[in-house]
Amino acid sequence: MATRQEMSEFLASVERRAFKHAMFSIRDEDAALDAVQDAMLKLAEKYGDKPAAELPMLFQRILHNVVADFFRRQKVRNLWTTLLSSLVHDDEDGGGDHDPLETLEAEAGSERAESAADQVERAQVMAVIEAEISKLPARQREAFLMRYWEDMDVAETAAAMGCSEGSVKTHCSRATHALADALRAKGFRS
């Protein structure tokens, strides 16, 4: 059973990465913050009695479900908004009131003893990677983030995504190849 301290430390350690993960999926800062907060609350309320070692996989599965729930609610909300706005405004087009292309600006990493040129290059590479991650298909993006940003192993990722280990490997391979191709196309070399 995870202690209160272990739960608190886990949530603090995963907070930032979970927000990025939610932002890549939802592309709305407020909704991503809400999703992460909901996932953290559900983990603490429903799985506080689980061992600390199980928390990362449980949290990723909960976050995945919260993001999926967001899109389900959004779809229903958009349907009703469209129907109601067409009843109220027969003459007008009911355009959307949000920009789905909004993205999160890349945050600067920790300051290390490196030159300004190295810092700029690192920031450019991270900006390109983040932009390209947001373009990946949802399953590839999810597998990539869990494996390489959350440092989950293949079995944990498969369990969290509800698919086979082979599917996780395929999604990760395709994602890394797509990201490598995008970096090469933009002039970055390894």
N, C-alpha and C. Protein backbone atom coordinates (compact mmCIF):
# COMPACT_ATOMS: atom_id res chain seq x y z
N MET A 1 0.84 -1.18 0.00
CA MET A 1 0.00 0.00 0.00
C MET A 1 0.88 1.24 0.00
N ALA A 2 0.62 2.15 -0.90
CA ALA A 2 1.40 3.38 -0.99
C ALA A 2 1.05 4.29 0.20
N THR A 3 2.07 4.84 0.81
CA THR A 3 1.83 5.78 1.90
C THR A 3 1.40 7.11 1.32
N ARG A 4 0.90 7.94 2.18
CA ARG A 4 0.47 9.27 1.75
C ARG A 4 1.67 10.03 1.15
N GLN A 5 2.83 9.88 1.75
CA GLN A 5 4.05 10.54 1.26
C GLN A 5 4.44 10.01 -0.12
N GLU A 6 4.37 8.69 -0.31
CA GLU A 6 4.70 8.10 -1.61
C GLU A 6 3.74 8.57 -2.70
N MET A 7 2.45 8.63 -2.37
CA MET A 7 1.46 9.12 -3.33
C MET A 7 1.75 10.57 -3.69
N SER A 8 2.03 11.38 -2.69
CA SER A 8 2.32 12.79 -2.92
C SER A 8 3.57 12.97 -3.79
N GLU A 9 4.61 12.21 -3.50
CA GLU A 9 5.85 12.30 -4.28
C GLU A 9 5.62 11.83 -5.72
N PHE A 10 4.84 10.76 -5.88
CA PHE A 10 4.55 10.27 -7.23
C PHE A 10 3.80 11.32 -8.03
N LEU A 11 2.76 11.90 -7.45
CA LEU A 11 1.97 12.90 -8.16
C LEU A 11 2.81 14.12 -8.51
N ALA A 12 3.68 14.53 -7.61
CA ALA A 12 4.55 15.68 -7.91
C ALA A 12 5.52 15.35 -9.04
N SER A 13 5.99 14.11 -9.09
CA SER A 13 6.98 13.74 -10.11
C SER A 13 6.35 13.60 -11.50
N VAL A 14 5.07 13.26 -11.56
CA VAL A 14 4.43 12.98 -12.84
C VAL A 14 3.64 14.18 -13.38
N GLU A 15 3.43 15.17 -12.56
CA GLU A 15 2.55 16.29 -12.89
C GLU A 15 2.88 16.96 -14.22
N ARG A 16 4.11 17.35 -14.39
CA ARG A 16 4.51 18.11 -15.58
C ARG A 16 4.43 17.28 -16.86
N ARG A 17 4.92 16.06 -16.78
CA ARG A 17 4.87 15.18 -17.96
C ARG A 17 3.42 14.84 -18.31
N ALA A 18 2.60 14.64 -17.30
CA ALA A 18 1.18 14.33 -17.55
C ALA A 18 0.49 15.52 -18.23
N PHE A 19 0.85 16.72 -17.82
CA PHE A 19 0.26 17.90 -18.46
C PHE A 19 0.66 17.96 -19.93
N LYS A 20 1.92 17.74 -20.22
CA LYS A 20 2.37 17.73 -21.63
C LYS A 20 1.62 16.67 -22.42
N HIS A 21 1.51 15.50 -21.83
CA HIS A 21 0.81 14.39 -22.48
C HIS A 21 -0.63 14.80 -22.79
N ALA A 22 -1.31 15.37 -21.82
CA ALA A 22 -2.70 15.80 -22.03
C ALA A 22 -2.76 16.92 -23.06
N MET A 23 -1.81 17.83 -23.04
CA MET A 23 -1.80 18.94 -24.01
C MET A 23 -1.64 18.42 -25.43
N PHE A 24 -0.79 17.41 -25.63
CA PHE A 24 -0.62 16.86 -26.97
C PHE A 24 -1.91 16.26 -27.48
N SER A 25 -2.70 15.71 -26.59
CA SER A 25 -3.95 15.09 -27.00
C SER A 25 -5.09 16.09 -27.14
N ILE A 26 -5.26 16.92 -26.11
CA ILE A 26 -6.43 17.80 -26.04
C ILE A 26 -6.22 19.13 -26.75
N ARG A 27 -5.01 19.67 -26.68
CA ARG A 27 -4.64 20.94 -27.31
C ARG A 27 -5.42 22.13 -26.76
N ASP A 28 -5.77 22.07 -25.48
CA ASP A 28 -6.41 23.17 -24.79
C ASP A 28 -5.85 23.17 -23.37
N GLU A 29 -5.18 24.25 -23.00
CA GLU A 29 -4.46 24.29 -21.73
C GLU A 29 -5.37 24.05 -20.54
N ASP A 30 -6.51 24.73 -20.48
CA ASP A 30 -7.41 24.58 -19.35
C ASP A 30 -7.97 23.16 -19.27
N ALA A 31 -8.37 22.62 -20.39
CA ALA A 31 -8.92 21.27 -20.41
C ALA A 31 -7.84 20.24 -20.05
N ALA A 32 -6.60 20.46 -20.50
CA ALA A 32 -5.51 19.55 -20.16
C ALA A 32 -5.23 19.59 -18.66
N LEU A 33 -5.22 20.79 -18.08
CA LEU A 33 -5.03 20.90 -16.63
C LEU A 33 -6.14 20.18 -15.88
N ASP A 34 -7.38 20.35 -16.33
CA ASP A 34 -8.50 19.66 -15.71
C ASP A 34 -8.35 18.15 -15.81
N ALA A 35 -7.93 17.68 -16.97
CA ALA A 35 -7.77 16.24 -17.17
C ALA A 35 -6.72 15.66 -16.23
N VAL A 36 -5.61 16.35 -16.10
CA VAL A 36 -4.54 15.87 -15.21
C VAL A 36 -5.02 15.88 -13.76
N GLN A 37 -5.69 16.95 -13.39
CA GLN A 37 -6.21 17.04 -12.02
C GLN A 37 -7.22 15.93 -11.76
N ASP A 38 -8.13 15.69 -12.69
CA ASP A 38 -9.11 14.61 -12.53
C ASP A 38 -8.42 13.26 -12.40
N ALA A 39 -7.41 13.02 -13.24
CA ALA A 39 -6.69 11.74 -13.18
C ALA A 39 -5.98 11.58 -11.83
N MET A 40 -5.38 12.66 -11.34
CA MET A 40 -4.69 12.58 -10.05
C MET A 40 -5.67 12.30 -8.91
N LEU A 41 -6.83 12.97 -8.95
CA LEU A 41 -7.84 12.75 -7.92
C LEU A 41 -8.36 11.31 -7.95
N LYS A 42 -8.63 10.81 -9.14
CA LYS A 42 -9.12 9.44 -9.26
C LYS A 42 -8.09 8.44 -8.76
N LEU A 43 -6.83 8.67 -9.08
CA LEU A 43 -5.77 7.78 -8.60
C LEU A 43 -5.73 7.78 -7.08
N ALA A 44 -5.74 8.96 -6.49
CA ALA A 44 -5.65 9.06 -5.03
C ALA A 44 -6.88 8.48 -4.35
N GLU A 45 -8.06 8.74 -4.90
CA GLU A 45 -9.30 8.27 -4.27
C GLU A 45 -9.51 6.77 -4.41
N LYS A 46 -9.30 6.24 -5.61
CA LYS A 46 -9.67 4.86 -5.89
C LYS A 46 -8.53 3.86 -5.78
N TYR A 47 -7.29 4.34 -5.89
CA TYR A 47 -6.17 3.41 -5.92
C TYR A 47 -5.10 3.74 -4.87
N GLY A 48 -5.48 4.48 -3.85
CA GLY A 48 -4.54 4.81 -2.79
C GLY A 48 -4.08 3.61 -2.00
N ASP A 49 -4.83 2.50 -2.10
CA ASP A 49 -4.47 1.29 -1.37
C ASP A 49 -3.54 0.37 -2.16
N LYS A 50 -3.15 0.77 -3.36
CA LYS A 50 -2.27 -0.05 -4.20
C LYS A 50 -0.81 0.23 -3.84
N PRO A 51 0.08 -0.72 -4.14
CA PRO A 51 1.51 -0.50 -3.88
C PRO A 51 2.05 0.65 -4.76
N ALA A 52 3.06 1.33 -4.25
CA ALA A 52 3.65 2.47 -4.96
C ALA A 52 4.17 2.07 -6.34
N ALA A 53 4.63 0.84 -6.49
CA ALA A 53 5.18 0.39 -7.78
C ALA A 53 4.11 0.34 -8.87
N GLU A 54 2.84 0.18 -8.49
CA GLU A 54 1.76 0.09 -9.47
C GLU A 54 1.21 1.45 -9.87
N LEU A 55 1.57 2.51 -9.17
CA LEU A 55 0.99 3.83 -9.42
C LEU A 55 1.25 4.36 -10.84
N PRO A 56 2.47 4.23 -11.39
CA PRO A 56 2.69 4.79 -12.74
C PRO A 56 1.76 4.20 -13.80
N MET A 57 1.62 2.88 -13.81
CA MET A 57 0.76 2.25 -14.82
C MET A 57 -0.71 2.62 -14.58
N LEU A 58 -1.14 2.59 -13.34
CA LEU A 58 -2.52 2.96 -13.04
C LEU A 58 -2.80 4.40 -13.45
N PHE A 59 -1.87 5.30 -13.15
CA PHE A 59 -2.07 6.70 -13.48
C PHE A 59 -2.17 6.90 -14.99
N GLN A 60 -1.31 6.22 -15.75
CA GLN A 60 -1.35 6.38 -17.21
C GLN A 60 -2.67 5.88 -17.77
N ARG A 61 -3.17 4.79 -17.24
CA ARG A 61 -4.45 4.25 -17.72
C ARG A 61 -5.59 5.21 -17.37
N ILE A 62 -5.55 5.76 -16.16
CA ILE A 62 -6.59 6.71 -15.75
C ILE A 62 -6.53 7.96 -16.62
N LEU A 63 -5.32 8.49 -16.86
CA LEU A 63 -5.17 9.68 -17.69
C LEU A 63 -5.69 9.40 -19.11
N HIS A 64 -5.36 8.24 -19.64
CA HIS A 64 -5.86 7.86 -20.97
C HIS A 64 -7.38 7.89 -20.98
N ASN A 65 -8.00 7.32 -19.97
CA ASN A 65 -9.47 7.27 -19.91
C ASN A 65 -10.08 8.66 -19.73
N VAL A 66 -9.44 9.51 -18.93
CA VAL A 66 -9.94 10.87 -18.72
C VAL A 66 -9.90 11.66 -20.04
N VAL A 67 -8.82 11.51 -20.80
CA VAL A 67 -8.70 12.19 -22.09
C VAL A 67 -9.77 11.67 -23.05
N ALA A 68 -9.97 10.35 -23.08
CA ALA A 68 -11.01 9.78 -23.94
C ALA A 68 -12.39 10.30 -23.53
N ASP A 69 -12.63 10.39 -22.23
CA ASP A 69 -13.90 10.93 -21.74
C ASP A 69 -14.09 12.38 -22.17
N PHE A 70 -13.00 13.16 -22.15
CA PHE A 70 -13.07 14.55 -22.60
C PHE A 70 -13.58 14.63 -24.03
N PHE A 71 -13.02 13.80 -24.90
CA PHE A 71 -13.42 13.83 -26.31
C PHE A 71 -14.86 13.34 -26.49
N ARG A 72 -15.28 12.36 -25.69
CA ARG A 72 -16.68 11.92 -25.77
C ARG A 72 -17.62 13.05 -25.37
N ARG A 73 -17.31 13.71 -24.25
CA ARG A 73 -18.15 14.83 -23.80
C ARG A 73 -18.13 15.96 -24.81
N GLN A 74 -16.97 16.24 -25.38
CA GLN A 74 -16.84 17.31 -26.37
C GLN A 74 -17.70 17.02 -27.60
N LYS A 75 -17.71 15.76 -28.01
CA LYS A 75 -18.50 15.37 -29.18
C LYS A 75 -19.99 15.59 -28.91
N VAL A 76 -20.46 15.16 -27.75
CA VAL A 76 -21.87 15.34 -27.39
C VAL A 76 -22.19 16.82 -27.25
N ARG A 77 -21.30 17.55 -26.58
CA ARG A 77 -21.51 19.00 -26.40
C ARG A 77 -21.58 19.71 -27.74
N ASN A 78 -20.68 19.36 -28.65
CA ASN A 78 -20.69 19.99 -29.98
C ASN A 78 -21.96 19.65 -30.75
N LEU A 79 -22.43 18.42 -30.61
CA LEU A 79 -23.66 18.01 -31.28
C LEU A 79 -24.83 18.85 -30.79
N TRP A 80 -24.97 18.96 -29.48
CA TRP A 80 -26.08 19.72 -28.92
C TRP A 80 -25.95 21.21 -29.21
N THR A 81 -24.74 21.72 -29.14
CA THR A 81 -24.54 23.14 -29.46
C THR A 81 -24.92 23.43 -30.90
N THR A 82 -24.53 22.55 -31.80
CA THR A 82 -24.85 22.72 -33.21
C THR A 82 -26.36 22.65 -33.43
N LEU A 83 -26.99 21.66 -32.82
CA LEU A 83 -28.44 21.51 -32.98
C LEU A 83 -29.19 22.72 -32.42
N LEU A 84 -28.80 23.13 -31.21
CA LEU A 84 -29.49 24.25 -30.58
C LEU A 84 -29.23 25.56 -31.30
N SER A 85 -27.99 25.76 -31.76
CA SER A 85 -27.69 27.02 -32.45
C SER A 85 -28.41 27.07 -33.79
N SER A 86 -28.62 25.92 -34.44
CA SER A 86 -29.36 25.94 -35.70
C SER A 86 -30.84 26.25 -35.46
N LEU A 87 -31.35 25.86 -34.31
CA LEU A 87 -32.74 26.19 -33.99
C LEU A 87 -32.90 27.68 -33.67
N VAL A 88 -31.90 28.24 -32.97
CA VAL A 88 -31.98 29.64 -32.57
C VAL A 88 -31.63 30.57 -33.72
N HIS A 89 -30.63 30.20 -34.50
CA HIS A 89 -30.15 31.05 -35.60
C HIS A 89 -30.31 30.32 -36.92
N ASP A 90 -31.48 30.31 -37.45
CA ASP A 90 -31.73 29.61 -38.71
C ASP A 90 -30.92 30.20 -39.86
N ASP A 91 -30.64 31.51 -39.81
CA ASP A 91 -29.95 32.18 -40.91
C ASP A 91 -28.43 32.05 -40.85
N GLU A 92 -27.89 31.89 -39.64
CA GLU A 92 -26.44 32.01 -39.46
C GLU A 92 -25.77 30.65 -39.44
N ASP A 93 -24.50 30.64 -39.82
CA ASP A 93 -23.69 29.43 -39.70
C ASP A 93 -23.21 29.33 -38.27
N GLY A 94 -23.29 28.18 -37.67
CA GLY A 94 -22.80 27.98 -36.30
C GLY A 94 -21.35 27.57 -36.31
N GLY A 95 -20.43 28.54 -36.40
CA GLY A 95 -19.01 28.25 -36.42
C GLY A 95 -18.50 27.89 -35.05
N GLY A 96 -17.40 27.18 -35.01
CA GLY A 96 -16.78 26.81 -33.74
C GLY A 96 -16.20 28.02 -33.05
N ASP A 97 -16.13 27.95 -31.72
CA ASP A 97 -15.60 29.09 -30.97
C ASP A 97 -14.25 28.80 -30.33
N HIS A 98 -13.55 27.78 -30.82
CA HIS A 98 -12.21 27.50 -30.32
C HIS A 98 -11.30 27.12 -31.49
N ASP A 99 -10.05 27.32 -31.31
CA ASP A 99 -9.08 27.01 -32.34
C ASP A 99 -8.42 25.68 -32.01
N PRO A 100 -8.70 24.60 -32.74
CA PRO A 100 -8.11 23.31 -32.40
C PRO A 100 -6.62 23.23 -32.69
N LEU A 101 -6.08 24.25 -33.36
CA LEU A 101 -4.66 24.21 -33.68
C LEU A 101 -3.78 24.88 -32.63
N GLU A 102 -4.40 25.33 -31.53
CA GLU A 102 -3.60 25.93 -30.47
C GLU A 102 -2.65 24.88 -29.91
N THR A 103 -1.43 25.29 -29.64
CA THR A 103 -0.46 24.37 -29.07
C THR A 103 0.23 25.05 -27.91
N LEU A 104 0.84 24.24 -27.10
CA LEU A 104 1.58 24.73 -25.95
C LEU A 104 2.97 25.16 -26.38
N GLU A 105 3.39 26.33 -25.93
CA GLU A 105 4.74 26.77 -26.24
C GLU A 105 5.73 25.90 -25.48
N ALA A 106 6.84 25.61 -26.11
CA ALA A 106 7.85 24.79 -25.46
C ALA A 106 8.46 25.54 -24.29
N GLU A 107 8.61 24.84 -23.18
CA GLU A 107 9.22 25.45 -22.01
C GLU A 107 10.73 25.24 -22.07
N ALA A 108 11.47 26.21 -21.61
CA ALA A 108 12.92 26.08 -21.58
C ALA A 108 13.31 25.05 -20.54
N GLY A 109 14.34 24.27 -20.83
CA GLY A 109 14.82 23.26 -19.89
C GLY A 109 15.64 23.90 -18.79
N SER A 110 16.10 23.06 -17.92
CA SER A 110 16.92 23.57 -16.82
C SER A 110 18.21 24.16 -17.37
N GLU A 111 18.69 25.20 -16.74
CA GLU A 111 19.90 25.86 -17.20
C GLU A 111 21.12 25.05 -16.77
N ARG A 112 21.91 24.65 -17.70
CA ARG A 112 23.11 23.89 -17.41
C ARG A 112 24.30 24.72 -17.85
N ALA A 113 25.46 24.21 -17.56
CA ALA A 113 26.69 24.89 -17.99
C ALA A 113 26.91 24.57 -19.47
N GLU A 114 26.19 25.28 -20.34
CA GLU A 114 26.32 25.08 -21.78
C GLU A 114 26.28 26.44 -22.46
N SER A 115 26.75 26.47 -23.67
CA SER A 115 26.80 27.74 -24.39
C SER A 115 25.40 28.16 -24.80
N ALA A 116 25.28 29.42 -25.13
CA ALA A 116 23.99 29.95 -25.60
C ALA A 116 23.57 29.26 -26.89
N ALA A 117 24.53 28.95 -27.76
CA ALA A 117 24.22 28.26 -29.01
C ALA A 117 23.65 26.87 -28.73
N ASP A 118 24.22 26.16 -27.74
CA ASP A 118 23.71 24.84 -27.38
C ASP A 118 22.30 24.95 -26.81
N GLN A 119 22.06 25.97 -26.00
CA GLN A 119 20.73 26.16 -25.43
C GLN A 119 19.70 26.44 -26.53
N VAL A 120 20.07 27.28 -27.49
CA VAL A 120 19.16 27.61 -28.58
C VAL A 120 18.89 26.37 -29.43
N GLU A 121 19.94 25.62 -29.75
CA GLU A 121 19.76 24.41 -30.56
C GLU A 121 18.87 23.40 -29.83
N ARG A 122 19.09 23.21 -28.53
CA ARG A 122 18.28 22.29 -27.76
C ARG A 122 16.82 22.74 -27.75
N ALA A 123 16.60 24.03 -27.58
CA ALA A 123 15.23 24.56 -27.58
C ALA A 123 14.58 24.37 -28.95
N GLN A 124 15.34 24.56 -30.03
CA GLN A 124 14.80 24.37 -31.37
C GLN A 124 14.43 22.91 -31.61
N VAL A 125 15.31 22.00 -31.19
CA VAL A 125 15.04 20.58 -31.37
C VAL A 125 13.80 20.18 -30.57
N MET A 126 13.69 20.64 -29.33
CA MET A 126 12.53 20.31 -28.50
C MET A 126 11.25 20.88 -29.11
N ALA A 127 11.31 22.08 -29.64
CA ALA A 127 10.12 22.68 -30.26
C ALA A 127 9.67 21.86 -31.46
N VAL A 128 10.63 21.42 -32.27
CA VAL A 128 10.31 20.59 -33.44
C VAL A 128 9.74 19.25 -32.99
N ILE A 129 10.37 18.64 -31.99
CA ILE A 129 9.90 17.34 -31.50
C ILE A 129 8.48 17.47 -30.96
N GLU A 130 8.23 18.49 -30.15
CA GLU A 130 6.89 18.67 -29.58
C GLU A 130 5.85 18.92 -30.68
N ALA A 131 6.22 19.71 -31.67
CA ALA A 131 5.29 19.96 -32.77
C ALA A 131 5.01 18.68 -33.54
N GLU A 132 6.04 17.88 -33.77
CA GLU A 132 5.87 16.64 -34.52
C GLU A 132 5.12 15.59 -33.70
N ILE A 133 5.34 15.56 -32.39
CA ILE A 133 4.59 14.62 -31.54
C ILE A 133 3.10 14.91 -31.64
N SER A 134 2.75 16.18 -31.65
CA SER A 134 1.33 16.53 -31.73
C SER A 134 0.72 16.12 -33.06
N LYS A 135 1.54 15.89 -34.08
CA LYS A 135 1.03 15.47 -35.40
C LYS A 135 0.89 13.95 -35.53
N LEU A 136 1.48 13.22 -34.60
CA LEU A 136 1.42 11.76 -34.67
C LEU A 136 -0.01 11.27 -34.47
N PRO A 137 -0.35 10.12 -35.07
CA PRO A 137 -1.65 9.52 -34.76
C PRO A 137 -1.75 9.25 -33.26
N ALA A 138 -2.94 9.25 -32.74
CA ALA A 138 -3.17 9.18 -31.29
C ALA A 138 -2.49 7.98 -30.64
N ARG A 139 -2.61 6.80 -31.20
CA ARG A 139 -2.04 5.60 -30.58
C ARG A 139 -0.51 5.64 -30.61
N GLN A 140 0.07 6.14 -31.70
CA GLN A 140 1.53 6.27 -31.76
C GLN A 140 2.01 7.27 -30.73
N ARG A 141 1.32 8.41 -30.63
CA ARG A 141 1.69 9.44 -29.67
C ARG A 141 1.61 8.91 -28.24
N GLU A 142 0.53 8.20 -27.95
CA GLU A 142 0.34 7.66 -26.61
C GLU A 142 1.44 6.65 -26.25
N ALA A 143 1.72 5.73 -27.16
CA ALA A 143 2.76 4.73 -26.91
C ALA A 143 4.12 5.39 -26.75
N PHE A 144 4.43 6.35 -27.62
CA PHE A 144 5.71 7.04 -27.55
C PHE A 144 5.88 7.77 -26.22
N LEU A 145 4.85 8.51 -25.81
CA LEU A 145 4.94 9.27 -24.57
C LEU A 145 5.09 8.36 -23.36
N MET A 146 4.35 7.28 -23.34
CA MET A 146 4.46 6.36 -22.20
C MET A 146 5.82 5.69 -22.15
N ARG A 147 6.31 5.24 -23.28
CA ARG A 147 7.59 4.51 -23.31
C ARG A 147 8.79 5.42 -23.06
N TYR A 148 8.82 6.57 -23.74
CA TYR A 148 10.04 7.35 -23.71
C TYR A 148 9.98 8.57 -22.82
N TRP A 149 8.82 9.10 -22.53
CA TRP A 149 8.73 10.24 -21.62
C TRP A 149 8.38 9.79 -20.22
N GLU A 150 7.53 8.76 -20.12
CA GLU A 150 7.15 8.25 -18.81
C GLU A 150 8.06 7.11 -18.37
N ASP A 151 8.91 6.62 -19.27
CA ASP A 151 9.87 5.56 -18.99
C ASP A 151 9.20 4.28 -18.52
N MET A 152 8.04 3.97 -19.10
CA MET A 152 7.35 2.72 -18.79
C MET A 152 7.89 1.63 -19.70
N ASP A 153 7.91 0.39 -19.22
CA ASP A 153 8.37 -0.69 -20.09
C ASP A 153 7.23 -1.11 -21.03
N VAL A 154 7.55 -2.03 -21.94
CA VAL A 154 6.59 -2.42 -22.97
C VAL A 154 5.34 -3.05 -22.36
N ALA A 155 5.53 -3.90 -21.36
CA ALA A 155 4.39 -4.57 -20.73
C ALA A 155 3.48 -3.57 -20.02
N GLU A 156 4.06 -2.64 -19.30
CA GLU A 156 3.27 -1.62 -18.61
C GLU A 156 2.50 -0.75 -19.60
N THR A 157 3.17 -0.37 -20.67
CA THR A 157 2.53 0.45 -21.70
C THR A 157 1.38 -0.30 -22.35
N ALA A 158 1.61 -1.57 -22.66
CA ALA A 158 0.56 -2.39 -23.27
C ALA A 158 -0.65 -2.49 -22.34
N ALA A 159 -0.39 -2.71 -21.06
CA ALA A 159 -1.50 -2.81 -20.10
C ALA A 159 -2.25 -1.49 -19.98
N ALA A 160 -1.51 -0.38 -19.96
CA ALA A 160 -2.14 0.93 -19.84
C ALA A 160 -2.94 1.30 -21.08
N MET A 161 -2.46 0.89 -22.25
CA MET A 161 -3.15 1.20 -23.50
C MET A 161 -4.22 0.18 -23.87
N GLY A 162 -4.20 -0.96 -23.19
CA GLY A 162 -5.19 -2.00 -23.50
C GLY A 162 -4.93 -2.67 -24.83
N CYS A 163 -3.65 -2.92 -25.15
CA CYS A 163 -3.30 -3.57 -26.41
C CYS A 163 -2.15 -4.54 -26.17
N SER A 164 -1.70 -5.23 -27.20
CA SER A 164 -0.61 -6.20 -27.06
C SER A 164 0.74 -5.49 -27.01
N GLU A 165 1.73 -6.22 -26.52
CA GLU A 165 3.09 -5.68 -26.47
C GLU A 165 3.62 -5.44 -27.89
N GLY A 166 3.24 -6.30 -28.82
CA GLY A 166 3.65 -6.11 -30.22
C GLY A 166 3.10 -4.83 -30.81
N SER A 167 1.87 -4.50 -30.45
CA SER A 167 1.28 -3.24 -30.92
C SER A 167 2.03 -2.04 -30.37
N VAL A 168 2.41 -2.12 -29.10
CA VAL A 168 3.18 -1.03 -28.49
C VAL A 168 4.50 -0.85 -29.24
N LYS A 169 5.18 -1.95 -29.52
CA LYS A 169 6.46 -1.87 -30.23
C LYS A 169 6.27 -1.28 -31.63
N THR A 170 5.22 -1.68 -32.31
CA THR A 170 4.93 -1.15 -33.65
C THR A 170 4.64 0.35 -33.59
N HIS A 171 3.78 0.76 -32.66
CA HIS A 171 3.44 2.18 -32.52
C HIS A 171 4.70 3.00 -32.20
N CYS A 172 5.53 2.50 -31.28
CA CYS A 172 6.75 3.23 -30.91
C CYS A 172 7.72 3.32 -32.07
N SER A 173 7.87 2.24 -32.80
CA SER A 173 8.77 2.24 -33.95
C SER A 173 8.32 3.25 -35.01
N ARG A 174 7.05 3.24 -35.31
CA ARG A 174 6.53 4.18 -36.31
C ARG A 174 6.68 5.62 -35.82
N ALA A 175 6.43 5.85 -34.55
CA ALA A 175 6.55 7.20 -34.00
C ALA A 175 7.99 7.70 -34.05
N THR A 176 8.94 6.85 -33.64
CA THR A 176 10.35 7.29 -33.64
C THR A 176 10.85 7.52 -35.06
N HIS A 177 10.41 6.68 -36.01
CA HIS A 177 10.81 6.90 -37.40
C HIS A 177 10.23 8.20 -37.95
N ALA A 178 8.98 8.47 -37.63
CA ALA A 178 8.35 9.71 -38.09
C ALA A 178 9.05 10.93 -37.49
N LEU A 179 9.39 10.85 -36.21
CA LEU A 179 10.09 11.98 -35.57
C LEU A 179 11.49 12.16 -36.14
N ALA A 180 12.19 11.06 -36.37
CA ALA A 180 13.54 11.14 -36.95
C ALA A 180 13.48 11.74 -38.35
N ASP A 181 12.52 11.31 -39.15
CA ASP A 181 12.36 11.86 -40.51
C ASP A 181 12.06 13.35 -40.46
N ALA A 182 11.21 13.76 -39.52
CA ALA A 182 10.86 15.18 -39.41
C ALA A 182 12.08 16.00 -39.00
N LEU A 183 12.90 15.49 -38.09
CA LEU A 183 14.11 16.21 -37.68
C LEU A 183 15.10 16.32 -38.84
N ARG A 184 15.28 15.21 -39.56
CA ARG A 184 16.18 15.26 -40.73
C ARG A 184 15.68 16.25 -41.77
N ALA A 185 14.37 16.28 -41.99
CA ALA A 185 13.79 17.18 -42.99
C ALA A 185 13.99 18.65 -42.60
N LYS A 186 14.11 18.90 -41.31
CA LYS A 186 14.31 20.27 -40.83
C LYS A 186 15.79 20.60 -40.63
N GLY A 187 16.67 19.68 -41.03
CA GLY A 187 18.10 19.94 -41.00
C GLY A 187 18.83 19.53 -39.74
N PHE A 188 18.18 18.82 -38.84
CA PHE A 188 18.84 18.35 -37.62
C PHE A 188 19.44 16.98 -37.88
N ARG A 189 20.67 16.81 -37.47
CA ARG A 189 21.37 15.54 -37.64
C ARG A 189 21.75 15.00 -36.27
N SER A 190 21.78 13.68 -36.16
CA SER A 190 22.16 13.07 -34.88
C SER A 190 23.65 12.95 -34.73
